[in-house]
Amino acid sequence: MRTFAEFQIIGRVGKIKEVGPTLRVSIAAEYGRKDDRGDFQSRPFWNEVTIFKDSVIGWAKENIAPGDVVHTRGTMRQSEYTKDGQTVYDVTFAANDFDLLRKKASEG
């Protein structure tokens, strides 16, 4: 039997930053709802994905920008380390696939 831990996110790009040999991209997935008056209330949840593959990093740097809608999927893994005597737990979302679904709409 194959075991795995995977993620998939469709959302809007926030920040894009290079960290060492990786590229980190924050993506907002929106879980909206209607309030008591029937008005839509936006509720974004931000997740940061890390791209390790050079080919995907190069593509992302050339093709995505804040505000674009993207689809990404990959593997997730939990790690732990000690900081100031305390155990800190972390989850890494390692993006294997990254696709542009829609460019940010032009303003004006």
Protein backbone atom coordinates (compact mmCIF):
# COMPACT_ATOMS: atom_id res chain seq x y z
CA MET A 1 0.00 0.00 0.00
CA ARG A 2 1.26 3.47 -0.91
CA THR A 3 1.11 6.14 1.79
CA PHE A 4 1.34 9.86 1.19
CA ALA A 5 0.54 13.35 2.46
CA GLU A 6 -0.47 15.78 -0.27
CA PHE A 7 -2.00 19.24 -0.57
CA GLN A 8 -3.76 21.20 -3.29
CA ILE A 9 -4.49 24.95 -3.24
CA ILE A 10 -6.30 27.23 -5.67
CA GLY A 11 -6.02 30.87 -4.67
CA ARG A 12 -4.56 34.34 -5.16
CA VAL A 13 -0.83 34.99 -4.93
CA GLY A 14 0.34 37.32 -2.17
CA LYS A 15 4.05 37.63 -1.53
CA ILE A 16 6.78 35.95 -3.57
CA LYS A 17 10.20 35.71 -1.93
CA GLU A 18 13.45 33.92 -2.51
CA VAL A 19 14.79 32.12 0.54
CA GLY A 20 18.16 30.53 -0.11
CA PRO A 21 17.81 28.17 -3.08
CA THR A 22 13.99 28.05 -2.76
CA LEU A 23 11.07 30.26 -3.73
CA ARG A 24 8.25 30.83 -1.25
CA VAL A 25 4.84 31.93 -2.45
CA SER A 26 1.96 32.90 -0.15
CA ILE A 27 -1.46 31.98 -1.53
CA ALA A 28 -4.87 33.04 -0.18
CA ALA A 29 -7.70 30.54 -0.42
CA GLU A 30 -10.99 32.29 0.27
CA TYR A 31 -13.77 30.77 2.32
CA GLY A 32 -16.52 33.36 2.11
CA ARG A 33 -20.01 33.27 3.48
CA LYS A 34 -23.13 35.38 3.49
CA ASP A 35 -23.89 37.35 6.64
CA ASP A 36 -27.32 37.86 8.22
CA ARG A 37 -28.12 40.60 5.67
CA GLY A 38 -27.20 38.38 2.73
CA ASP A 39 -23.97 40.25 1.99
CA PHE A 40 -20.93 38.20 1.05
CA GLN A 41 -18.16 38.33 3.67
CA SER A 42 -14.68 37.41 2.50
CA ARG A 43 -12.55 35.23 4.74
CA PRO A 44 -9.13 34.50 3.22
CA PHE A 45 -6.76 31.93 4.69
CA TRP A 46 -3.09 32.31 3.78
CA ASN A 47 -0.74 29.41 3.17
CA GLU A 48 2.90 29.63 2.16
CA VAL A 49 4.20 27.03 -0.27
CA THR A 50 7.88 26.36 -0.94
CA ILE A 51 9.18 25.53 -4.39
CA PHE A 52 12.38 23.45 -4.39
CA LYS A 53 12.64 22.38 -8.07
CA ASP A 54 14.81 24.74 -10.16
CA SER A 55 12.61 24.35 -13.25
CA VAL A 56 9.44 25.24 -11.32
CA ILE A 57 11.20 28.15 -9.57
CA GLY A 58 12.28 29.56 -12.94
CA TRP A 59 8.80 29.21 -14.40
CA ALA A 60 7.13 30.80 -11.36
CA LYS A 61 9.52 33.77 -11.30
CA GLU A 62 8.75 34.50 -14.97
CA ASN A 63 5.00 33.85 -14.97
CA ILE A 64 3.31 34.69 -11.68
CA ALA A 65 2.76 37.93 -9.79
CA PRO A 66 0.79 39.07 -6.73
CA GLY A 67 -2.94 38.96 -7.41
CA ASP A 68 -2.76 36.13 -9.96
CA VAL A 69 -4.94 33.06 -9.41
CA VAL A 70 -2.86 29.89 -9.28
CA HIS A 71 -3.23 26.17 -8.69
CA THR A 72 -0.51 24.29 -6.85
CA ARG A 73 -0.16 20.82 -5.46
CA GLY A 74 2.57 18.91 -3.75
CA THR A 75 3.62 17.09 -0.62
CA MET A 76 3.46 18.21 2.98
CA ARG A 77 5.67 17.26 5.85
CA GLN A 78 5.89 18.15 9.51
CA SER A 79 9.18 18.88 11.20
CA GLU A 80 10.29 20.01 14.61
CA TYR A 81 13.22 21.94 16.01
CA THR A 82 14.25 23.56 19.27
CA LYS A 83 14.29 27.34 19.66
CA ASP A 84 15.10 29.05 22.96
CA GLY A 85 14.66 25.71 24.73
CA GLN A 86 11.16 25.16 23.30
CA THR A 87 10.12 22.59 20.71
CA VAL A 88 8.68 24.30 17.63
CA TYR A 89 6.59 22.37 15.11
CA ASP A 90 6.43 23.38 11.46
CA VAL A 91 4.66 22.14 8.34
CA THR A 92 6.27 22.54 4.91
CA PHE A 93 4.08 22.61 1.80
CA ALA A 94 6.53 21.54 -0.93
CA ALA A 95 5.00 22.53 -4.28
CA ASN A 96 5.70 20.03 -7.06
CA ASP A 97 3.25 21.47 -9.62
CA PHE A 98 2.42 25.13 -10.11
CA ASP A 99 -0.01 26.50 -12.72
CA LEU A 100 -1.30 29.96 -13.59
CA LEU A 101 -5.10 29.96 -13.87
CA ARG A 102 -5.73 33.69 -14.36
CA LYS A 103 -3.65 36.87 -14.36
CA LYS A 104 -4.66 39.65 -11.99
CA ALA A 105 -7.26 41.88 -13.61
CA SER A 106 -5.87 45.19 -14.84
CA GLU A 107 -6.95 48.21 -12.84
CA GLY A 108 -8.22 51.27 -14.60
